[in-house]
Amino acid sequence: MSVTTKTNRIADAGVPRRNNTQRILTAAEKIFAAYGLAGARIDDIAKACALPKANILYYFGSKEGLYRATLERLLAGWLADADEWLTIEHSPRVGLEGYVRAKMLFSRRKPAASRLFMHELLAGGGCVQDFLRTTLRDFVQSKALVFAHWQEQGLFAPIDPAHFLFLLWSTTQAYADMQVQFAAVLGRKSLSVADFEKGIETLMQLVDSVCLPKEANR
């Protein structure tokens, strides 16, 4: 057997594992979001993803290991969205709209994942403390450099980058975490695509107020 053939077979063998782990993580998001770490059962996650319980334990070791992996996938996705849009290559208006749209799309398509993170924080954030104090803190500091660049170019108002990001996170994630409340106020069972779009438009009106000058960001 040639080296190339052996390598291809090894790569092919890894495809089912990757597919299974993603199925498990997607099912785990929903179960953990609904019941939290303490209330969720591996049996329920196995049923939701139509895979044996033994497979889940083989891939993740324990319920706690699966919980951490689920959170890590969620957080990695959020950071990737920011890294794509919040860069000096984009103007503030373009970068912030792209980021807001990405975050709102996540809230619309994966509300369970956002609620899972909310549950973890409400429980004290013990499973994500290392991430919050290291990875996320370093991330915010790196994005502060982007905001500083925009400010030096006269394109962005002199506001605190960390607190500005806090506002963007809380606003966009609220459309997932507080969707029941928002829908009730609007008189419907659930938020529509149009509601999310209206939320984006409204938030971008606020963003426009700190993008300077507006002509340079269109």
C-alpha atoms as a PDB file:
ATOM      1  CA  MET A   1       0.000   0.000   0.000  1.00  0.00           C
ATOM      2  CA  SER A   2       1.388   3.381  -0.965  1.00  0.00           C
ATOM      3  CA  VAL A   3       1.869   6.147   1.578  1.00  0.00           C
ATOM      4  CA  THR A   4      -0.694   8.269  -0.282  1.00  0.00           C
ATOM      5  CA  THR A   5      -3.328   5.515  -0.206  1.00  0.00           C
ATOM      6  CA  LYS A   6      -2.742   4.871   3.499  1.00  0.00           C
ATOM      7  CA  THR A   7      -3.005   8.597   4.276  1.00  0.00           C
ATOM      8  CA  ASN A   8      -6.250   8.874   2.311  1.00  0.00           C
ATOM      9  CA  ARG A   9      -7.749   5.923   4.180  1.00  0.00           C
ATOM     10  CA  ILE A  10      -6.819   7.460   7.519  1.00  0.00           C
ATOM     11  CA  ALA A  11      -8.355  10.769   6.432  1.00  0.00           C
ATOM     12  CA  ASP A  12     -11.517   8.985   5.253  1.00  0.00           C
ATOM     13  CA  ALA A  13     -11.757   7.154   8.564  1.00  0.00           C
ATOM     14  CA  GLY A  14     -11.768  10.475  10.368  1.00  0.00           C
ATOM     15  CA  VAL A  15     -14.821  11.754   8.505  1.00  0.00           C
ATOM     16  CA  PRO A  16     -17.420   9.672  10.437  1.00  0.00           C
ATOM     17  CA  ARG A  17     -15.839  10.724  13.734  1.00  0.00           C
ATOM     18  CA  ARG A  18     -16.003  14.427  12.785  1.00  0.00           C
ATOM     19  CA  ASN A  19     -19.588  14.041  11.604  1.00  0.00           C
ATOM     20  CA  ASN A  20     -20.596  12.175  14.757  1.00  0.00           C
ATOM     21  CA  THR A  21     -18.951  14.669  17.086  1.00  0.00           C
ATOM     22  CA  GLN A  22     -20.755  17.545  15.377  1.00  0.00           C
ATOM     23  CA  ARG A  23     -24.088  15.679  15.659  1.00  0.00           C
ATOM     24  CA  ILE A  24     -23.434  15.078  19.337  1.00  0.00           C
ATOM     25  CA  LEU A  25     -22.433  18.688  20.014  1.00  0.00           C
ATOM     26  CA  THR A  26     -25.506  20.026  18.204  1.00  0.00           C
ATOM     27  CA  ALA A  27     -27.802  17.765  20.234  1.00  0.00           C
ATOM     28  CA  ALA A  28     -25.922  18.621  23.430  1.00  0.00           C
ATOM     29  CA  GLU A  29     -26.463  22.353  22.844  1.00  0.00           C
ATOM     30  CA  LYS A  30     -30.228  21.842  22.934  1.00  0.00           C
ATOM     31  CA  ILE A  31     -30.287  19.511  25.919  1.00  0.00           C
ATOM     32  CA  PHE A  32     -27.826  21.509  28.021  1.00  0.00           C
ATOM     33  CA  ALA A  33     -29.636  24.752  27.119  1.00  0.00           C
ATOM     34  CA  ALA A  34     -32.930  23.274  28.267  1.00  0.00           C
ATOM     35  CA  TYR A  35     -31.768  21.552  31.467  1.00  0.00           C
ATOM     36  CA  GLY A  36     -28.328  22.907  32.338  1.00  0.00           C
ATOM     37  CA  LEU A  37     -25.356  20.744  33.220  1.00  0.00           C
ATOM     38  CA  ALA A  38     -26.928  19.255  36.341  1.00  0.00           C
ATOM     39  CA  GLY A  39     -30.272  18.397  34.759  1.00  0.00           C
ATOM     40  CA  ALA A  40     -29.075  17.119  31.394  1.00  0.00           C
ATOM     41  CA  ARG A  41     -28.644  13.386  30.879  1.00  0.00           C
ATOM     42  CA  ILE A  42     -26.313  11.637  28.451  1.00  0.00           C
ATOM     43  CA  ASP A  43     -29.201   9.294  27.588  1.00  0.00           C
ATOM     44  CA  ASP A  44     -31.283  12.242  26.391  1.00  0.00           C
ATOM     45  CA  ILE A  45     -28.409  13.609  24.307  1.00  0.00           C
ATOM     46  CA  ALA A  46     -27.867  10.170  22.768  1.00  0.00           C
ATOM     47  CA  LYS A  47     -31.541   9.971  21.866  1.00  0.00           C
ATOM     48  CA  ALA A  48     -31.500  13.481  20.384  1.00  0.00           C
ATOM     49  CA  CYS A  49     -28.548  12.728  18.094  1.00  0.00           C
ATOM     50  CA  ALA A  50     -29.558   9.097  17.390  1.00  0.00           C
ATOM     51  CA  LEU A  51     -26.185   7.710  18.458  1.00  0.00           C
ATOM     52  CA  PRO A  52     -25.326   5.180  21.183  1.00  0.00           C
ATOM     53  CA  LYS A  53     -24.498   6.542  24.615  1.00  0.00           C
ATOM     54  CA  ALA A  54     -21.224   4.623  24.389  1.00  0.00           C
ATOM     55  CA  ASN A  55     -20.190   6.717  21.373  1.00  0.00           C
ATOM     56  CA  ILE A  56     -20.677   9.940  23.306  1.00  0.00           C
ATOM     57  CA  LEU A  57     -18.614   8.726  26.238  1.00  0.00           C
ATOM     58  CA  TYR A  58     -15.941   7.423  23.870  1.00  0.00           C
ATOM     59  CA  TYR A  59     -15.589  10.809  22.122  1.00  0.00           C
ATOM     60  CA  PHE A  60     -15.952  13.099  25.144  1.00  0.00           C
ATOM     61  CA  GLY A  61     -15.215  10.983  28.213  1.00  0.00           C
ATOM     62  CA  SER A  62     -17.993  12.278  30.450  1.00  0.00           C
ATOM     63  CA  LYS A  63     -20.996  14.570  30.596  1.00  0.00           C
ATOM     64  CA  GLU A  64     -18.761  17.334  31.932  1.00  0.00           C
ATOM     65  CA  GLY A  65     -16.314  16.827  29.064  1.00  0.00           C
ATOM     66  CA  LEU A  66     -19.140  17.082  26.546  1.00  0.00           C
ATOM     67  CA  TYR A  67     -20.456  20.197  28.275  1.00  0.00           C
ATOM     68  CA  ARG A  68     -17.078  21.922  28.060  1.00  0.00           C
ATOM     69  CA  ALA A  69     -16.658  20.904  24.410  1.00  0.00           C
ATOM     70  CA  THR A  70     -20.105  22.300  23.611  1.00  0.00           C
ATOM     71  CA  LEU A  71     -19.254  25.623  25.203  1.00  0.00           C
ATOM     72  CA  GLU A  72     -15.879  25.733  23.457  1.00  0.00           C
ATOM     73  CA  ARG A  73     -17.482  25.257  20.029  1.00  0.00           C
ATOM     74  CA  LEU A  74     -19.934  28.056  20.737  1.00  0.00           C
ATOM     75  CA  LEU A  75     -17.262  30.473  21.932  1.00  0.00           C
ATOM     76  CA  ALA A  76     -14.922  29.658  19.052  1.00  0.00           C
ATOM     77  CA  GLY A  77     -17.688  30.563  16.604  1.00  0.00           C
ATOM     78  CA  TRP A  78     -18.298  33.914  18.257  1.00  0.00           C
ATOM     79  CA  LEU A  79     -14.615  34.835  18.207  1.00  0.00           C
ATOM     80  CA  ALA A  80     -14.304  33.780  14.567  1.00  0.00           C
ATOM     81  CA  ASP A  81     -17.121  36.160  13.580  1.00  0.00           C
ATOM     82  CA  ALA A  82     -15.376  39.035  15.308  1.00  0.00           C
ATOM     83  CA  ASP A  83     -12.020  38.178  13.749  1.00  0.00           C
ATOM     84  CA  GLU A  84     -13.622  38.238  10.315  1.00  0.00           C
ATOM     85  CA  TRP A  85     -15.252  41.658  10.684  1.00  0.00           C
ATOM     86  CA  LEU A  86     -13.541  43.711  13.386  1.00  0.00           C
ATOM     87  CA  THR A  87     -10.303  44.407  11.524  1.00  0.00           C
ATOM     88  CA  ILE A  88      -8.428  47.489  10.372  1.00  0.00           C
ATOM     89  CA  GLU A  89      -9.057  46.368   6.786  1.00  0.00           C
ATOM     90  CA  HIS A  90     -12.722  47.252   7.254  1.00  0.00           C
ATOM     91  CA  SER A  91     -14.115  50.695   7.944  1.00  0.00           C
ATOM     92  CA  PRO A  92     -16.009  50.927  11.260  1.00  0.00           C
ATOM     93  CA  ARG A  93     -19.416  50.966   9.539  1.00  0.00           C
ATOM     94  CA  VAL A  94     -18.710  47.959   7.328  1.00  0.00           C
ATOM     95  CA  GLY A  95     -16.949  45.963  10.040  1.00  0.00           C
ATOM     96  CA  LEU A  96     -19.536  46.601  12.724  1.00  0.00           C
ATOM     97  CA  GLU A  97     -22.491  45.868  10.462  1.00  0.00           C
ATOM     98  CA  GLY A  98     -20.902  42.597   9.379  1.00  0.00           C
ATOM     99  CA  TYR A  99     -20.286  41.655  13.000  1.00  0.00           C
ATOM    100  CA  VAL A 100     -23.769  42.630  14.153  1.00  0.00           C
ATOM    101  CA  ARG A 101     -25.348  40.675  11.306  1.00  0.00           C
ATOM    102  CA  ALA A 102     -23.240  37.610  12.111  1.00  0.00           C
ATOM    103  CA  LYS A 103     -24.182  37.744  15.788  1.00  0.00           C
ATOM    104  CA  MET A 104     -27.876  38.248  15.028  1.00  0.00           C
ATOM    105  CA  LEU A 105     -27.834  35.391  12.522  1.00  0.00           C
ATOM    106  CA  PHE A 106     -26.349  33.168  15.217  1.00  0.00           C
ATOM    107  CA  SER A 107     -29.077  34.226  17.658  1.00  0.00           C
ATOM    108  CA  ARG A 108     -31.760  33.489  15.060  1.00  0.00           C
ATOM    109  CA  ARG A 109     -30.400  30.140  13.891  1.00  0.00           C
ATOM    110  CA  LYS A 110     -28.906  28.822  17.142  1.00  0.00           C
ATOM    111  CA  PRO A 111     -30.828  30.295  20.054  1.00  0.00           C
ATOM    112  CA  ALA A 112     -30.223  27.160  22.130  1.00  0.00           C
ATOM    113  CA  ALA A 113     -26.467  27.678  21.935  1.00  0.00           C
ATOM    114  CA  SER A 114     -26.758  31.253  23.142  1.00  0.00           C
ATOM    115  CA  ARG A 115     -29.043  30.193  25.989  1.00  0.00           C
ATOM    116  CA  LEU A 116     -26.568  27.510  26.963  1.00  0.00           C
ATOM    117  CA  PHE A 117     -23.890  30.159  27.487  1.00  0.00           C
ATOM    118  CA  MET A 118     -26.374  32.281  29.452  1.00  0.00           C
ATOM    119  CA  HIS A 119     -27.157  29.306  31.726  1.00  0.00           C
ATOM    120  CA  GLU A 120     -23.442  28.797  32.347  1.00  0.00           C
ATOM    121  CA  LEU A 121     -22.909  32.444  33.297  1.00  0.00           C
ATOM    122  CA  LEU A 122     -25.974  32.465  35.565  1.00  0.00           C
ATOM    123  CA  ALA A 123     -24.529  29.401  37.299  1.00  0.00           C
ATOM    124  CA  GLY A 124     -21.334  31.331  38.014  1.00  0.00           C
ATOM    125  CA  GLY A 125     -19.353  30.573  34.863  1.00  0.00           C
ATOM    126  CA  GLY A 126     -17.162  27.979  36.549  1.00  0.00           C
ATOM    127  CA  CYS A 127     -16.636  25.976  33.369  1.00  0.00           C
ATOM    128  CA  VAL A 128     -15.596  29.010  31.318  1.00  0.00           C
ATOM    129  CA  GLN A 129     -13.606  31.039  33.840  1.00  0.00           C
ATOM    130  CA  ASP A 130     -10.275  30.161  32.247  1.00  0.00           C
ATOM    131  CA  PHE A 131     -11.595  31.170  28.837  1.00  0.00           C
ATOM    132  CA  LEU A 132     -13.050  34.434  30.150  1.00  0.00           C
ATOM    133  CA  ARG A 133      -9.912  35.454  32.041  1.00  0.00           C
ATOM    134  CA  THR A 134      -7.427  34.508  29.324  1.00  0.00           C
ATOM    135  CA  THR A 135      -8.717  33.934  25.774  1.00  0.00           C
ATOM    136  CA  LEU A 136     -11.615  36.380  25.905  1.00  0.00           C
ATOM    137  CA  ARG A 137      -9.648  39.033  27.768  1.00  0.00           C
ATOM    138  CA  ASP A 138      -6.806  38.801  25.238  1.00  0.00           C
ATOM    139  CA  PHE A 139      -9.345  38.920  22.422  1.00  0.00           C
ATOM    140  CA  VAL A 140     -10.941  42.128  23.727  1.00  0.00           C
ATOM    141  CA  GLN A 141      -7.517  43.720  24.110  1.00  0.00           C
ATOM    142  CA  SER A 142      -6.683  42.836  20.501  1.00  0.00           C
ATOM    143  CA  LYS A 143      -9.944  44.369  19.291  1.00  0.00           C
ATOM    144  CA  ALA A 144      -9.225  47.479  21.338  1.00  0.00           C
ATOM    145  CA  LEU A 145      -6.272  48.007  18.996  1.00  0.00           C
ATOM    146  CA  VAL A 146      -8.656  47.950  16.031  1.00  0.00           C
ATOM    147  CA  PHE A 147     -10.888  50.552  17.651  1.00  0.00           C
ATOM    148  CA  ALA A 148      -7.803  52.626  18.494  1.00  0.00           C
ATOM    149  CA  HIS A 149      -6.773  52.514  14.825  1.00  0.00           C
ATOM    150  CA  TRP A 150     -10.220  53.670  13.730  1.00  0.00           C
ATOM    151  CA  GLN A 151     -10.098  56.470  16.279  1.00  0.00           C
ATOM    152  CA  GLU A 152      -6.647  57.577  15.136  1.00  0.00           C
ATOM    153  CA  GLN A 153      -7.987  57.736  11.587  1.00  0.00           C
ATOM    154  CA  GLY A 154     -10.840  59.974  12.724  1.00  0.00           C
ATOM    155  CA  LEU A 155     -13.399  57.293  11.823  1.00  0.00           C
ATOM    156  CA  PHE A 156     -14.716  56.381  15.257  1.00  0.00           C
ATOM    157  CA  ALA A 157     -15.771  58.263  18.360  1.00  0.00           C
ATOM    158  CA  PRO A 158     -13.537  58.090  21.490  1.00  0.00           C
ATOM    159  CA  ILE A 159     -15.579  55.531  23.440  1.00  0.00           C
ATOM    160  CA  ASP A 160     -14.363  52.614  25.547  1.00  0.00           C
ATOM    161  CA  PRO A 161     -13.873  49.526  23.311  1.00  0.00           C
ATOM    162  CA  ALA A 162     -14.562  46.926  26.008  1.00  0.00           C
ATOM    163  CA  HIS A 163     -17.832  48.488  27.091  1.00  0.00           C
ATOM    164  CA  PHE A 164     -18.863  49.043  23.492  1.00  0.00           C
ATOM    165  CA  LEU A 165     -18.328  45.327  22.830  1.00  0.00           C
ATOM    166  CA  PHE A 166     -20.291  44.485  25.995  1.00  0.00           C
ATOM    167  CA  LEU A 167     -23.245  46.415  24.573  1.00  0.00           C
ATOM    168  CA  LEU A 168     -23.014  44.669  21.198  1.00  0.00           C
ATOM    169  CA  TRP A 169     -22.841  41.243  22.844  1.00  0.00           C
ATOM    170  CA  SER A 170     -25.739  41.849  25.202  1.00  0.00           C
ATOM    171  CA  THR A 171     -27.967  43.379  22.533  1.00  0.00           C
ATOM    172  CA  THR A 172     -27.461  40.742  19.863  1.00  0.00           C
ATOM    173  CA  GLN A 173     -27.580  37.772  22.244  1.00  0.00           C
ATOM    174  CA  ALA A 174     -30.769  39.079  23.846  1.00  0.00           C
ATOM    175  CA  TYR A 175     -32.610  38.221  20.633  1.00  0.00           C
ATOM    176  CA  ALA A 176     -31.931  34.574  21.499  1.00  0.00           C
ATOM    177  CA  ASP A 177     -31.912  34.616  25.301  1.00  0.00           C
ATOM    178  CA  MET A 178     -34.986  36.847  25.692  1.00  0.00           C
ATOM    179  CA  GLN A 179     -36.811  35.897  22.518  1.00  0.00           C
ATOM    180  CA  VAL A 180     -39.945  34.760  24.403  1.00  0.00           C
ATOM    181  CA  GLN A 181     -40.236  38.179  26.035  1.00  0.00           C
ATOM    182  CA  PHE A 182     -39.566  40.100  22.819  1.00  0.00           C
ATOM    183  CA  ALA A 183     -42.080  38.021  20.842  1.00  0.00           C
ATOM    184  CA  ALA A 184     -44.773  38.479  23.508  1.00  0.00           C
ATOM    185  CA  VAL A 185     -44.303  42.254  23.487  1.00  0.00           C
ATOM    186  CA  LEU A 186     -44.597  42.253  19.691  1.00  0.00           C
ATOM    187  CA  GLY A 187     -47.743  40.134  19.867  1.00  0.00           C
ATOM    188  CA  ARG A 188     -46.524  36.919  18.240  1.00  0.00           C
ATOM    189  CA  LYS A 189     -45.417  33.415  19.153  1.00  0.00           C
ATOM    190  CA  SER A 190     -41.855  33.823  17.952  1.00  0.00           C
ATOM    191  CA  LEU A 191     -39.643  36.418  16.318  1.00  0.00           C
ATOM    192  CA  SER A 192     -39.663  36.528  12.529  1.00  0.00           C
ATOM    193  CA  VAL A 193     -36.791  37.140  10.144  1.00  0.00           C
ATOM    194  CA  ALA A 194     -38.215  40.633   9.691  1.00  0.00           C
ATOM    195  CA  ASP A 195     -37.996  41.213  13.457  1.00  0.00           C
ATOM    196  CA  PHE A 196     -34.320  40.308  13.437  1.00  0.00           C
ATOM    197  CA  GLU A 197     -33.741  42.595  10.477  1.00  0.00           C
ATOM    198  CA  LYS A 198     -35.523  45.438  12.261  1.00  0.00           C
ATOM    199  CA  GLY A 199     -33.310  44.801  15.276  1.00  0.00           C
ATOM    200  CA  ILE A 200     -30.214  45.039  13.081  1.00  0.00           C
ATOM    201  CA  GLU A 201     -31.414  48.262  11.484  1.00  0.00           C
ATOM    202  CA  THR A 202     -32.141  49.795  14.884  1.00  0.00           C
ATOM    203  CA  LEU A 203     -28.800  48.768  16.343  1.00  0.00           C
ATOM    204  CA  MET A 204     -26.965  50.092  13.294  1.00  0.00           C
ATOM    205  CA  GLN A 205     -28.648  53.475  13.774  1.00  0.00           C
ATOM    206  CA  LEU A 206     -26.937  53.596  17.162  1.00  0.00           C
ATOM    207  CA  VAL A 207     -23.646  52.417  15.653  1.00  0.00           C
ATOM    208  CA  ASP A 208     -23.877  55.177  13.037  1.00  0.00           C
ATOM    209  CA  SER A 209     -23.820  57.739  15.814  1.00  0.00           C
ATOM    210  CA  VAL A 210     -20.229  56.764  16.709  1.00  0.00           C
ATOM    211  CA  CYS A 211     -18.892  56.234  13.175  1.00  0.00           C
ATOM    212  CA  LEU A 212     -17.099  59.447  12.127  1.00  0.00           C
ATOM    213  CA  PRO A 213     -17.344  60.831   9.554  1.00  0.00           C
ATOM    214  CA  LYS A 214     -20.257  58.912   8.096  1.00  0.00           C
ATOM    215  CA  GLU A 215     -19.251  59.731   4.512  1.00  0.00           C
ATOM    216  CA  ALA A 216     -15.977  57.828   4.939  1.00  0.00           C
ATOM    217  CA  ASN A 217     -17.753  54.667   6.063  1.00  0.00           C
ATOM    218  CA  ARG A 218     -20.365  54.254   3.377  1.00  0.00           C
END
